Amino acid sequence: MKAVHVSVRVLPQHVEAFVQATLENARASLLEPGIARFDVVQQADDPTRFVLVEVYRTEDAPAAHKATAHYARWRDAVAPMMAEPRVGTWFVPVHLPA
């Protein structure tokens, strides 16, 4: 298993559209066999900042995710909404609850 936290800052005028596009992507992503979790969280004190928390079951699941049509739609739709490039930080599990 591996996880990525994708930090995103959206232009203020695009927050609602970003949320809609990202929730569509998250719902479709959860149907992929290689994805265990796909959380979308918004910063409480700055609504333009988000973190996507993606947990993958296998090493090749991230590449499979990026090859899906729903990911390509999301990527292309949200690109002009970004205030800055998104940043992914990878993690490996230390403790997983049963």
PDB file of N, CA and C in Angstrom:
ATOM      1  N   MET A   1       0.841  -1.178   0.000  1.00  0.00           N
ATOM      2  CA  MET A   1       0.000   0.000   0.000  1.00  0.00           C
ATOM      3  C   MET A   1       0.885   1.241   0.000  1.00  0.00           C
ATOM      4  N   LYS A   2       0.395   2.277  -0.661  1.00  0.00           N
ATOM      5  CA  LYS A   2       1.058   3.569  -0.606  1.00  0.00           C
ATOM      6  C   LYS A   2       0.004   4.647  -0.734  1.00  0.00           C
ATOM      7  N   ALA A   3       0.354   5.826  -0.246  1.00  0.00           N
ATOM      8  CA  ALA A   3      -0.602   6.926  -0.239  1.00  0.00           C
ATOM      9  C   ALA A   3       0.063   8.183  -0.766  1.00  0.00           C
ATOM     10  N   VAL A   4      -0.747   9.043  -1.322  1.00  0.00           N
ATOM     11  CA  VAL A   4      -0.270  10.348  -1.770  1.00  0.00           C
ATOM     12  C   VAL A   4      -1.235  11.406  -1.243  1.00  0.00           C
ATOM     13  N   HIS A   5      -0.651  12.497  -0.767  1.00  0.00           N
ATOM     14  CA  HIS A   5      -1.427  13.680  -0.419  1.00  0.00           C
ATOM     15  C   HIS A   5      -1.132  14.702  -1.502  1.00  0.00           C
ATOM     16  N   VAL A   6      -2.162  15.101  -2.224  1.00  0.00           N
ATOM     17  CA  VAL A   6      -1.999  16.067  -3.301  1.00  0.00           C
ATOM     18  C   VAL A   6      -2.510  17.417  -2.794  1.00  0.00           C
ATOM     19  N   SER A   7      -1.594  18.361  -2.645  1.00  0.00           N
ATOM     20  CA  SER A   7      -1.947  19.703  -2.178  1.00  0.00           C
ATOM     21  C   SER A   7      -2.301  20.577  -3.371  1.00  0.00           C
ATOM     22  N   VAL A   8      -3.440  21.253  -3.253  1.00  0.00           N
ATOM     23  CA  VAL A   8      -3.959  22.047  -4.359  1.00  0.00           C
ATOM     24  C   VAL A   8      -4.386  23.417  -3.826  1.00  0.00           C
ATOM     25  N   ARG A   9      -4.030  24.447  -4.563  1.00  0.00           N
ATOM     26  CA  ARG A   9      -4.561  25.790  -4.285  1.00  0.00           C
ATOM     27  C   ARG A   9      -5.288  26.247  -5.536  1.00  0.00           C
ATOM     28  N   VAL A  10      -6.561  26.574  -5.363  1.00  0.00           N
ATOM     29  CA  VAL A  10      -7.456  26.911  -6.469  1.00  0.00           C
ATOM     30  C   VAL A  10      -7.695  28.425  -6.479  1.00  0.00           C
ATOM     31  N   LEU A  11      -7.863  28.977  -7.639  1.00  0.00           N
ATOM     32  CA  LEU A  11      -8.244  30.384  -7.744  1.00  0.00           C
ATOM     33  C   LEU A  11      -9.617  30.566  -7.085  1.00  0.00           C
ATOM     34  N   PRO A  12      -9.807  31.636  -6.318  1.00  0.00           N
ATOM     35  CA  PRO A  12     -11.055  31.795  -5.548  1.00  0.00           C
ATOM     36  C   PRO A  12     -12.326  31.673  -6.385  1.00  0.00           C
ATOM     37  N   GLN A  13     -12.316  32.174  -7.581  1.00  0.00           N
ATOM     38  CA  GLN A  13     -13.528  32.141  -8.412  1.00  0.00           C
ATOM     39  C   GLN A  13     -13.848  30.739  -8.937  1.00  0.00           C
ATOM     40  N   HIS A  14     -12.943  29.780  -8.729  1.00  0.00           N
ATOM     41  CA  HIS A  14     -13.150  28.425  -9.246  1.00  0.00           C
ATOM     42  C   HIS A  14     -13.377  27.374  -8.160  1.00  0.00           C
ATOM     43  N   VAL A  15     -13.503  27.804  -6.913  1.00  0.00           N
ATOM     44  CA  VAL A  15     -13.615  26.831  -5.818  1.00  0.00           C
ATOM     45  C   VAL A  15     -14.786  25.875  -6.033  1.00  0.00           C
ATOM     46  N   GLU A  16     -15.962  26.393  -6.319  1.00  0.00           N
ATOM     47  CA  GLU A  16     -17.147  25.527  -6.469  1.00  0.00           C
ATOM     48  C   GLU A  16     -16.994  24.573  -7.650  1.00  0.00           C
ATOM     49  N   ALA A  17     -16.516  25.046  -8.764  1.00  0.00           N
ATOM     50  CA  ALA A  17     -16.319  24.178  -9.935  1.00  0.00           C
ATOM     51  C   ALA A  17     -15.256  23.129  -9.651  1.00  0.00           C
ATOM     52  N   PHE A  18     -14.211  23.511  -8.925  1.00  0.00           N
ATOM     53  CA  PHE A  18     -13.172  22.551  -8.563  1.00  0.00           C
ATOM     54  C   PHE A  18     -13.749  21.443  -7.680  1.00  0.00           C
ATOM     55  N   VAL A  19     -14.541  21.830  -6.703  1.00  0.00           N
ATOM     56  CA  VAL A  19     -15.158  20.839  -5.812  1.00  0.00           C
ATOM     57  C   VAL A  19     -16.014  19.872  -6.621  1.00  0.00           C
ATOM     58  N   GLN A  20     -16.845  20.383  -7.503  1.00  0.00           N
ATOM     59  CA  GLN A  20     -17.716  19.507  -8.297  1.00  0.00           C
ATOM     60  C   GLN A  20     -16.907  18.536  -9.150  1.00  0.00           C
ATOM     61  N   ALA A  21     -15.906  19.038  -9.860  1.00  0.00           N
ATOM     62  CA  ALA A  21     -15.084  18.177 -10.718  1.00  0.00           C
ATOM     63  C   ALA A  21     -14.315  17.157  -9.896  1.00  0.00           C
ATOM     64  N   THR A  22     -13.828  17.574  -8.753  1.00  0.00           N
ATOM     65  CA  THR A  22     -13.004  16.688  -7.922  1.00  0.00           C
ATOM     66  C   THR A  22     -13.848  15.613  -7.264  1.00  0.00           C
ATOM     67  N   LEU A  23     -15.060  15.952  -6.849  1.00  0.00           N
ATOM     68  CA  LEU A  23     -15.934  14.927  -6.273  1.00  0.00           C
ATOM     69  C   LEU A  23     -16.337  13.895  -7.313  1.00  0.00           C
ATOM     70  N   GLU A  24     -16.577  14.320  -8.553  1.00  0.00           N
ATOM     71  CA  GLU A  24     -16.872  13.362  -9.630  1.00  0.00           C
ATOM     72  C   GLU A  24     -15.688  12.418  -9.828  1.00  0.00           C
ATOM     73  N   ASN A  25     -14.484  12.971  -9.844  1.00  0.00           N
ATOM     74  CA  ASN A  25     -13.286  12.150 -10.001  1.00  0.00           C
ATOM     75  C   ASN A  25     -13.110  11.200  -8.817  1.00  0.00           C
ATOM     76  N   ALA A  26     -13.342  11.693  -7.611  1.00  0.00           N
ATOM     77  CA  ALA A  26     -13.187  10.857  -6.416  1.00  0.00           C
ATOM     78  C   ALA A  26     -14.158   9.680  -6.441  1.00  0.00           C
ATOM     79  N   ARG A  27     -15.409   9.955  -6.786  1.00  0.00           N
ATOM     80  CA  ARG A  27     -16.410   8.866  -6.827  1.00  0.00           C
ATOM     81  C   ARG A  27     -16.035   7.804  -7.861  1.00  0.00           C
ATOM     82  N   ALA A  28     -15.600   8.236  -9.031  1.00  0.00           N
ATOM     83  CA  ALA A  28     -15.193   7.278 -10.066  1.00  0.00           C
ATOM     84  C   ALA A  28     -13.926   6.539  -9.645  1.00  0.00           C
ATOM     85  N   SER A  29     -13.020   7.236  -8.984  1.00  0.00           N
ATOM     86  CA  SER A  29     -11.767   6.620  -8.556  1.00  0.00           C
ATOM     87  C   SER A  29     -12.012   5.496  -7.558  1.00  0.00           C
ATOM     88  N   LEU A  30     -12.990   5.683  -6.680  1.00  0.00           N
ATOM     89  CA  LEU A  30     -13.281   4.655  -5.676  1.00  0.00           C
ATOM     90  C   LEU A  30     -13.808   3.363  -6.292  1.00  0.00           C
ATOM     91  N   LEU A  31     -14.206   3.404  -7.552  1.00  0.00           N
ATOM     92  CA  LEU A  31     -14.638   2.185  -8.249  1.00  0.00           C
ATOM     93  C   LEU A  31     -13.464   1.400  -8.817  1.00  0.00           C
ATOM     94  N   GLU A  32     -12.277   1.999  -8.829  1.00  0.00           N
ATOM     95  CA  GLU A  32     -11.088   1.309  -9.330  1.00  0.00           C
ATOM     96  C   GLU A  32     -10.639   0.265  -8.300  1.00  0.00           C
ATOM     97  N   PRO A  33     -10.284  -0.934  -8.748  1.00  0.00           N
ATOM     98  CA  PRO A  33      -9.875  -1.971  -7.788  1.00  0.00           C
ATOM     99  C   PRO A  33      -8.603  -1.624  -7.017  1.00  0.00           C
ATOM    100  N   GLY A  34      -7.742  -0.791  -7.565  1.00  0.00           N
ATOM    101  CA  GLY A  34      -6.483  -0.460  -6.908  1.00  0.00           C
ATOM    102  C   GLY A  34      -6.554   0.677  -5.908  1.00  0.00           C
ATOM    103  N   ILE A  35      -7.716   1.300  -5.770  1.00  0.00           N
ATOM    104  CA  ILE A  35      -7.844   2.435  -4.854  1.00  0.00           C
ATOM    105  C   ILE A  35      -8.618   2.025  -3.613  1.00  0.00           C
ATOM    106  N   ALA A  36      -7.975   2.210  -2.454  1.00  0.00           N
ATOM    107  CA  ALA A  36      -8.602   1.878  -1.176  1.00  0.00           C
ATOM    108  C   ALA A  36      -9.341   3.076  -0.587  1.00  0.00           C
ATOM    109  N   ARG A  37      -8.812   4.279  -0.802  1.00  0.00           N
ATOM    110  CA  ARG A  37      -9.427   5.515  -0.287  1.00  0.00           C
ATOM    111  C   ARG A  37      -9.166   6.640  -1.267  1.00  0.00           C
ATOM    112  N   PHE A  38     -10.086   7.573  -1.298  1.00  0.00           N
ATOM    113  CA  PHE A  38      -9.891   8.796  -2.074  1.00  0.00           C
ATOM    114  C   PHE A  38     -10.673   9.881  -1.353  1.00  0.00           C
ATOM    115  N   ASP A  39      -9.993  10.599  -0.466  1.00  0.00           N
ATOM    116  CA  ASP A  39     -10.626  11.638   0.338  1.00  0.00           C
ATOM    117  C   ASP A  39     -10.315  13.010  -0.250  1.00  0.00           C
ATOM    118  N   VAL A  40     -11.273  13.900  -0.154  1.00  0.00           N
ATOM    119  CA  VAL A  40     -11.095  15.288  -0.582  1.00  0.00           C
ATOM    120  C   VAL A  40     -11.391  16.148   0.639  1.00  0.00           C
ATOM    121  N   VAL A  41     -10.381  16.905   1.084  1.00  0.00           N
ATOM    122  CA  VAL A  41     -10.573  17.781   2.243  1.00  0.00           C
ATOM    123  C   VAL A  41     -10.211  19.211   1.861  1.00  0.00           C
ATOM    124  N   GLN A  42     -10.929  20.149   2.487  1.00  0.00           N
ATOM    125  CA  GLN A  42     -10.751  21.574   2.220  1.00  0.00           C
ATOM    126  C   GLN A  42     -10.244  22.233   3.500  1.00  0.00           C
ATOM    127  N   GLN A  43      -9.267  23.102   3.358  1.00  0.00           N
ATOM    128  CA  GLN A  43      -8.688  23.773   4.523  1.00  0.00           C
ATOM    129  C   GLN A  43      -9.739  24.664   5.176  1.00  0.00           C
ATOM    130  N   ALA A  44      -9.873  24.566   6.486  1.00  0.00           N
ATOM    131  CA  ALA A  44     -10.926  25.286   7.217  1.00  0.00           C
ATOM    132  C   ALA A  44     -10.767  26.804   7.147  1.00  0.00           C
ATOM    133  N   ASP A  45      -9.539  27.293   7.212  1.00  0.00           N
ATOM    134  CA  ASP A  45      -9.343  28.742   7.247  1.00  0.00           C
ATOM    135  C   ASP A  45      -8.953  29.352   5.904  1.00  0.00           C
ATOM    136  N   ASP A  46      -8.908  28.531   4.861  1.00  0.00           N
ATOM    137  CA  ASP A  46      -8.619  29.028   3.509  1.00  0.00           C
ATOM    138  C   ASP A  46      -9.325  28.123   2.515  1.00  0.00           C
ATOM    139  N   PRO A  47     -10.520  28.484   2.076  1.00  0.00           N
ATOM    140  CA  PRO A  47     -11.317  27.601   1.213  1.00  0.00           C
ATOM    141  C   PRO A  47     -10.730  27.374  -0.175  1.00  0.00           C
ATOM    142  N   THR A  48      -9.631  28.031  -0.505  1.00  0.00           N
ATOM    143  CA  THR A  48      -8.993  27.800  -1.806  1.00  0.00           C
ATOM    144  C   THR A  48      -7.972  26.668  -1.737  1.00  0.00           C
ATOM    145  N   ARG A  49      -7.738  26.134  -0.562  1.00  0.00           N
ATOM    146  CA  ARG A  49      -6.726  25.073  -0.400  1.00  0.00           C
ATOM    147  C   ARG A  49      -7.398  23.733  -0.101  1.00  0.00           C
ATOM    148  N   PHE A  50      -6.921  22.716  -0.805  1.00  0.00           N
ATOM    149  CA  PHE A  50      -7.454  21.360  -0.685  1.00  0.00           C
ATOM    150  C   PHE A  50      -6.310  20.371  -0.566  1.00  0.00           C
ATOM    151  N   VAL A  51      -6.627  19.207  -0.008  1.00  0.00           N
ATOM    152  CA  VAL A  51      -5.716  18.065  -0.054  1.00  0.00           C
ATOM    153  C   VAL A  51      -6.538  16.872  -0.519  1.00  0.00           C
ATOM    154  N   LEU A  52      -6.031  16.186  -1.531  1.00  0.00           N
ATOM    155  CA  LEU A  52      -6.616  14.924  -1.976  1.00  0.00           C
ATOM    156  C   LEU A  52      -5.778  13.827  -1.333  1.00  0.00           C
ATOM    157  N   VAL A  53      -6.420  12.952  -0.585  1.00  0.00           N
ATOM    158  CA  VAL A  53      -5.734  11.858   0.099  1.00  0.00           C
ATOM    159  C   VAL A  53      -6.097  10.581  -0.632  1.00  0.00           C
ATOM    160  N   GLU A  54      -5.127  10.043  -1.369  1.00  0.00           N
ATOM    161  CA  GLU A  54      -5.359   8.868  -2.200  1.00  0.00           C
ATOM    162  C   GLU A  54      -4.538   7.703  -1.646  1.00  0.00           C
ATOM    163  N   VAL A  55      -5.201   6.595  -1.378  1.00  0.00           N
ATOM    164  CA  VAL A  55      -4.522   5.408  -0.854  1.00  0.00           C
ATOM    165  C   VAL A  55      -4.680   4.290  -1.879  1.00  0.00           C
ATOM    166  N   TYR A  56      -3.550   3.767  -2.298  1.00  0.00           N
ATOM    167  CA  TYR A  56      -3.497   2.747  -3.345  1.00  0.00           C
ATOM    168  C   TYR A  56      -3.132   1.392  -2.753  1.00  0.00           C
ATOM    169  N   ARG A  57      -3.748   0.338  -3.288  1.00  0.00           N
ATOM    170  CA  ARG A  57      -3.509  -1.016  -2.791  1.00  0.00           C
ATOM    171  C   ARG A  57      -2.222  -1.641  -3.322  1.00  0.00           C
ATOM    172  N   THR A  58      -1.796  -1.236  -4.508  1.00  0.00           N
ATOM    173  CA  THR A  58      -0.624  -1.851  -5.137  1.00  0.00           C
ATOM    174  C   THR A  58       0.304  -0.776  -5.698  1.00  0.00           C
ATOM    175  N   GLU A  59       1.510  -1.179  -6.034  1.00  0.00           N
ATOM    176  CA  GLU A  59       2.501  -0.266  -6.607  1.00  0.00           C
ATOM    177  C   GLU A  59       2.062   0.287  -7.962  1.00  0.00           C
ATOM    178  N   ASP A  60       1.365  -0.540  -8.768  1.00  0.00           N
ATOM    179  CA  ASP A  60       0.990  -0.059 -10.104  1.00  0.00           C
ATOM    180  C   ASP A  60      -0.373   0.633 -10.145  1.00  0.00           C
ATOM    181  N   ALA A  61      -1.083   0.672  -9.025  1.00  0.00           N
ATOM    182  CA  ALA A  61      -2.397   1.311  -9.009  1.00  0.00           C
ATOM    183  C   ALA A  61      -2.351   2.813  -9.328  1.00  0.00           C
ATOM    184  N   PRO A  62      -1.344   3.561  -8.887  1.00  0.00           N
ATOM    185  CA  PRO A  62      -1.321   4.986  -9.260  1.00  0.00           C
ATOM    186  C   PRO A  62      -1.229   5.193 -10.778  1.00  0.00           C
ATOM    187  N   ALA A  63      -0.412   4.410 -11.444  1.00  0.00           N
ATOM    188  CA  ALA A  63      -0.302   4.535 -12.906  1.00  0.00           C
ATOM    189  C   ALA A  63      -1.612   4.132 -13.577  1.00  0.00           C
ATOM    190  N   ALA A  64      -2.259   3.083 -13.068  1.00  0.00           N
ATOM    191  CA  ALA A  64      -3.549   2.665 -13.625  1.00  0.00           C
ATOM    192  C   ALA A  64      -4.590   3.774 -13.438  1.00  0.00           C
ATOM    193  N   HIS A  65      -4.558   4.421 -12.288  1.00  0.00           N
ATOM    194  CA  HIS A  65      -5.484   5.528 -12.029  1.00  0.00           C
ATOM    195  C   HIS A  65      -5.263   6.658 -13.032  1.00  0.00           C
ATOM    196  N   LYS A  66      -4.022   7.005 -13.266  1.00  0.00           N
ATOM    197  CA  LYS A  66      -3.727   8.111 -14.181  1.00  0.00           C
ATOM    198  C   LYS A  66      -4.040   7.762 -15.641  1.00  0.00           C
ATOM    199  N   ALA A  67      -4.277   6.495 -15.934  1.00  0.00           N
ATOM    200  CA  ALA A  67      -4.626   6.074 -17.292  1.00  0.00           C
ATOM    201  C   ALA A  67      -6.133   6.055 -17.526  1.00  0.00           C
ATOM    202  N   THR A  68      -6.930   6.366 -16.498  1.00  0.00           N
ATOM    203  CA  THR A  68      -8.389   6.316 -16.654  1.00  0.00           C
ATOM    204  C   THR A  68      -8.917   7.574 -17.342  1.00  0.00           C
ATOM    205  N   ALA A  69     -10.049   7.418 -17.983  1.00  0.00           N
ATOM    206  CA  ALA A  69     -10.700   8.549 -18.650  1.00  0.00           C
ATOM    207  C   ALA A  69     -11.174   9.585 -17.640  1.00  0.00           C
ATOM    208  N   HIS A  70     -11.658   9.126 -16.485  1.00  0.00           N
ATOM    209  CA  HIS A  70     -12.158  10.100 -15.498  1.00  0.00           C
ATOM    210  C   HIS A  70     -11.026  10.940 -14.924  1.00  0.00           C
ATOM    211  N   TYR A  71      -9.834  10.360 -14.753  1.00  0.00           N
ATOM    212  CA  TYR A  71      -8.698  11.161 -14.285  1.00  0.00           C
ATOM    213  C   TYR A  71      -8.315  12.199 -15.343  1.00  0.00           C
ATOM    214  N   ALA A  72      -8.264  11.798 -16.610  1.00  0.00           N
ATOM    215  CA  ALA A  72      -7.906  12.730 -17.689  1.00  0.00           C
ATOM    216  C   ALA A  72      -8.908  13.876 -17.767  1.00  0.00           C
ATOM    217  N   ARG A  73     -10.210  13.564 -17.615  1.00  0.00           N
ATOM    218  CA  ARG A  73     -11.237  14.619 -17.624  1.00  0.00           C
ATOM    219  C   ARG A  73     -11.004  15.595 -16.471  1.00  0.00           C
ATOM    220  N   TRP A  74     -10.747  15.040 -15.266  1.00  0.00           N
ATOM    221  CA  TRP A  74     -10.514  15.882 -14.103  1.00  0.00           C
ATOM    222  C   TRP A  74      -9.275  16.751 -14.307  1.00  0.00           C
ATOM    223  N   ARG A  75      -8.174  16.136 -14.693  1.00  0.00           N
ATOM    224  CA  ARG A  75      -6.906  16.854 -14.888  1.00  0.00           C
ATOM    225  C   ARG A  75      -7.086  18.023 -15.847  1.00  0.00           C
ATOM    226  N   ASP A  76      -7.741  17.771 -16.969  1.00  0.00           N
ATOM    227  CA  ASP A  76      -7.921  18.815 -17.976  1.00  0.00           C
ATOM    228  C   ASP A  76      -8.905  19.886 -17.510  1.00  0.00           C
ATOM    229  N   ALA A  77      -9.941  19.477 -16.777  1.00  0.00           N
ATOM    230  CA  ALA A  77     -10.950  20.436 -16.315  1.00  0.00           C
ATOM    231  C   ALA A  77     -10.397  21.379 -15.251  1.00  0.00           C
ATOM    232  N   VAL A  78      -9.587  20.852 -14.337  1.00  0.00           N
ATOM    233  CA  VAL A  78      -9.141  21.682 -13.210  1.00  0.00           C
ATOM    234  C   VAL A  78      -7.845  22.438 -13.490  1.00  0.00           C
ATOM    235  N   ALA A  79      -7.132  22.100 -14.535  1.00  0.00           N
ATOM    236  CA  ALA A  79      -5.852  22.770 -14.812  1.00  0.00           C
ATOM    237  C   ALA A  79      -5.980  24.293 -14.828  1.00  0.00           C
ATOM    238  N   PRO A  80      -6.966  24.869 -15.518  1.00  0.00           N
ATOM    239  CA  PRO A  80      -7.059  26.328 -15.523  1.00  0.00           C
ATOM    240  C   PRO A  80      -7.583  26.922 -14.206  1.00  0.00           C
ATOM    241  N   MET A  81      -8.029  26.072 -13.292  1.00  0.00           N
ATOM    242  CA  MET A  81      -8.553  26.546 -12.006  1.00  0.00           C
ATOM    243  C   MET A  81      -7.461  26.717 -10.960  1.00  0.00           C
ATOM    244  N   MET A  82      -6.286  26.180 -11.226  1.00  0.00           N
ATOM    245  CA  MET A  82      -5.208  26.158 -10.241  1.00  0.00           C
ATOM    246  C   MET A  82      -4.548  27.522 -10.078  1.00  0.00           C
ATOM    247  N   ALA A  83      -4.304  27.908  -8.832  1.00  0.00           N
ATOM    248  CA  ALA A  83      -3.561  29.129  -8.540  1.00  0.00           C
ATOM    249  C   ALA A  83      -2.062  28.874  -8.634  1.00  0.00           C
ATOM    250  N   GLU A  84      -1.686  27.608  -8.498  1.00  0.00           N
ATOM    251  CA  GLU A  84      -0.283  27.182  -8.594  1.00  0.00           C
ATOM    252  C   GLU A  84      -0.289  25.688  -8.897  1.00  0.00           C
ATOM    253  N   PRO A  85       0.830  25.145  -9.358  1.00  0.00           N
ATOM    254  CA  PRO A  85       0.850  23.706  -9.656  1.00  0.00           C
ATOM    255  C   PRO A  85       0.550  22.868  -8.407  1.00  0.00           C
ATOM    256  N   ARG A  86      -0.215  21.800  -8.580  1.00  0.00           N
ATOM    257  CA  ARG A  86      -0.488  20.909  -7.457  1.00  0.00           C
ATOM    258  C   ARG A  86       0.777  20.129  -7.113  1.00  0.00           C
ATOM    259  N   VAL A  87       0.879  19.718  -5.844  1.00  0.00           N
ATOM    260  CA  VAL A  87       2.077  19.030  -5.357  1.00  0.00           C
ATOM    261  C   VAL A  87       1.655  17.745  -4.666  1.00  0.00           C
ATOM    262  N   GLY A  88       2.231  16.625  -5.094  1.00  0.00           N
ATOM    263  CA  GLY A  88       1.954  15.344  -4.466  1.00  0.00           C
ATOM    264  C   GLY A  88       3.114  14.919  -3.575  1.00  0.00           C
ATOM    265  N   THR A  89       2.771  14.457  -2.378  1.00  0.00           N
ATOM    266  CA  THR A  89       3.763  13.931  -1.440  1.00  0.00           C
ATOM    267  C   THR A  89       3.386  12.493  -1.136  1.00  0.00           C
ATOM    268  N   TRP A  90       4.318  11.578  -1.382  1.00  0.00           N
ATOM    269  CA  TRP A  90       4.056  10.146  -1.221  1.00  0.00           C
ATOM    270  C   TRP A  90       4.393   9.678   0.185  1.00  0.00           C
ATOM    271  N   PHE A  91       3.604   8.720   0.665  1.00  0.00           N
ATOM    272  CA  PHE A  91       3.773   8.136   1.993  1.00  0.00           C
ATOM    273  C   PHE A  91       3.659   6.611   1.899  1.00  0.00           C
ATOM    274  N   VAL A  92       4.288   5.932   2.849  1.00  0.00           N
ATOM    275  CA  VAL A  92       4.129   4.475   2.987  1.00  0.00           C
ATOM    276  C   VAL A  92       3.555   4.216   4.379  1.00  0.00           C
ATOM    277  N   PRO A  93       2.790   3.150   4.553  1.00  0.00           N
ATOM    278  CA  PRO A  93       2.141   2.905   5.843  1.00  0.00           C
ATOM    279  C   PRO A  93       3.136   2.521   6.937  1.00  0.00           C
ATOM    280  N   VAL A  94       2.885   3.059   8.107  1.00  0.00           N
ATOM    281  CA  VAL A  94       3.612   2.678   9.302  1.00  0.00           C
ATOM    282  C   VAL A  94       2.675   1.898  10.212  1.00  0.00           C
ATOM    283  N   HIS A  95       1.425   2.352  10.261  1.00  0.00           N
ATOM    284  CA  HIS A  95       0.395   1.663  11.047  1.00  0.00           C
ATOM    285  C   HIS A  95      -0.938   1.785  10.322  1.00  0.00           C
ATOM    286  N   LEU A  96      -1.583   0.675  10.122  1.00  0.00           N
ATOM    287  CA  LEU A  96      -2.914   0.670   9.528  1.00  0.00           C
ATOM    288  C   LEU A  96      -3.875   0.009  10.501  1.00  0.00           C
ATOM    289  N   PRO A  97      -4.976   0.664  10.829  1.00  0.00           N
ATOM    290  CA  PRO A  97      -5.944   0.038  11.736  1.00  0.00           C
ATOM    291  C   PRO A  97      -6.577  -1.188  11.090  1.00  0.00           C
ATOM    292  N   ALA A  98      -6.937  -2.130  11.902  1.00  0.00           N
ATOM    293  CA  ALA A  98      -7.534  -3.378  11.398  1.00  0.00           C
ATOM    294  C   ALA A  98      -8.910  -3.161  10.875  1.00  0.00           C
TER     295      ALA A  98
END
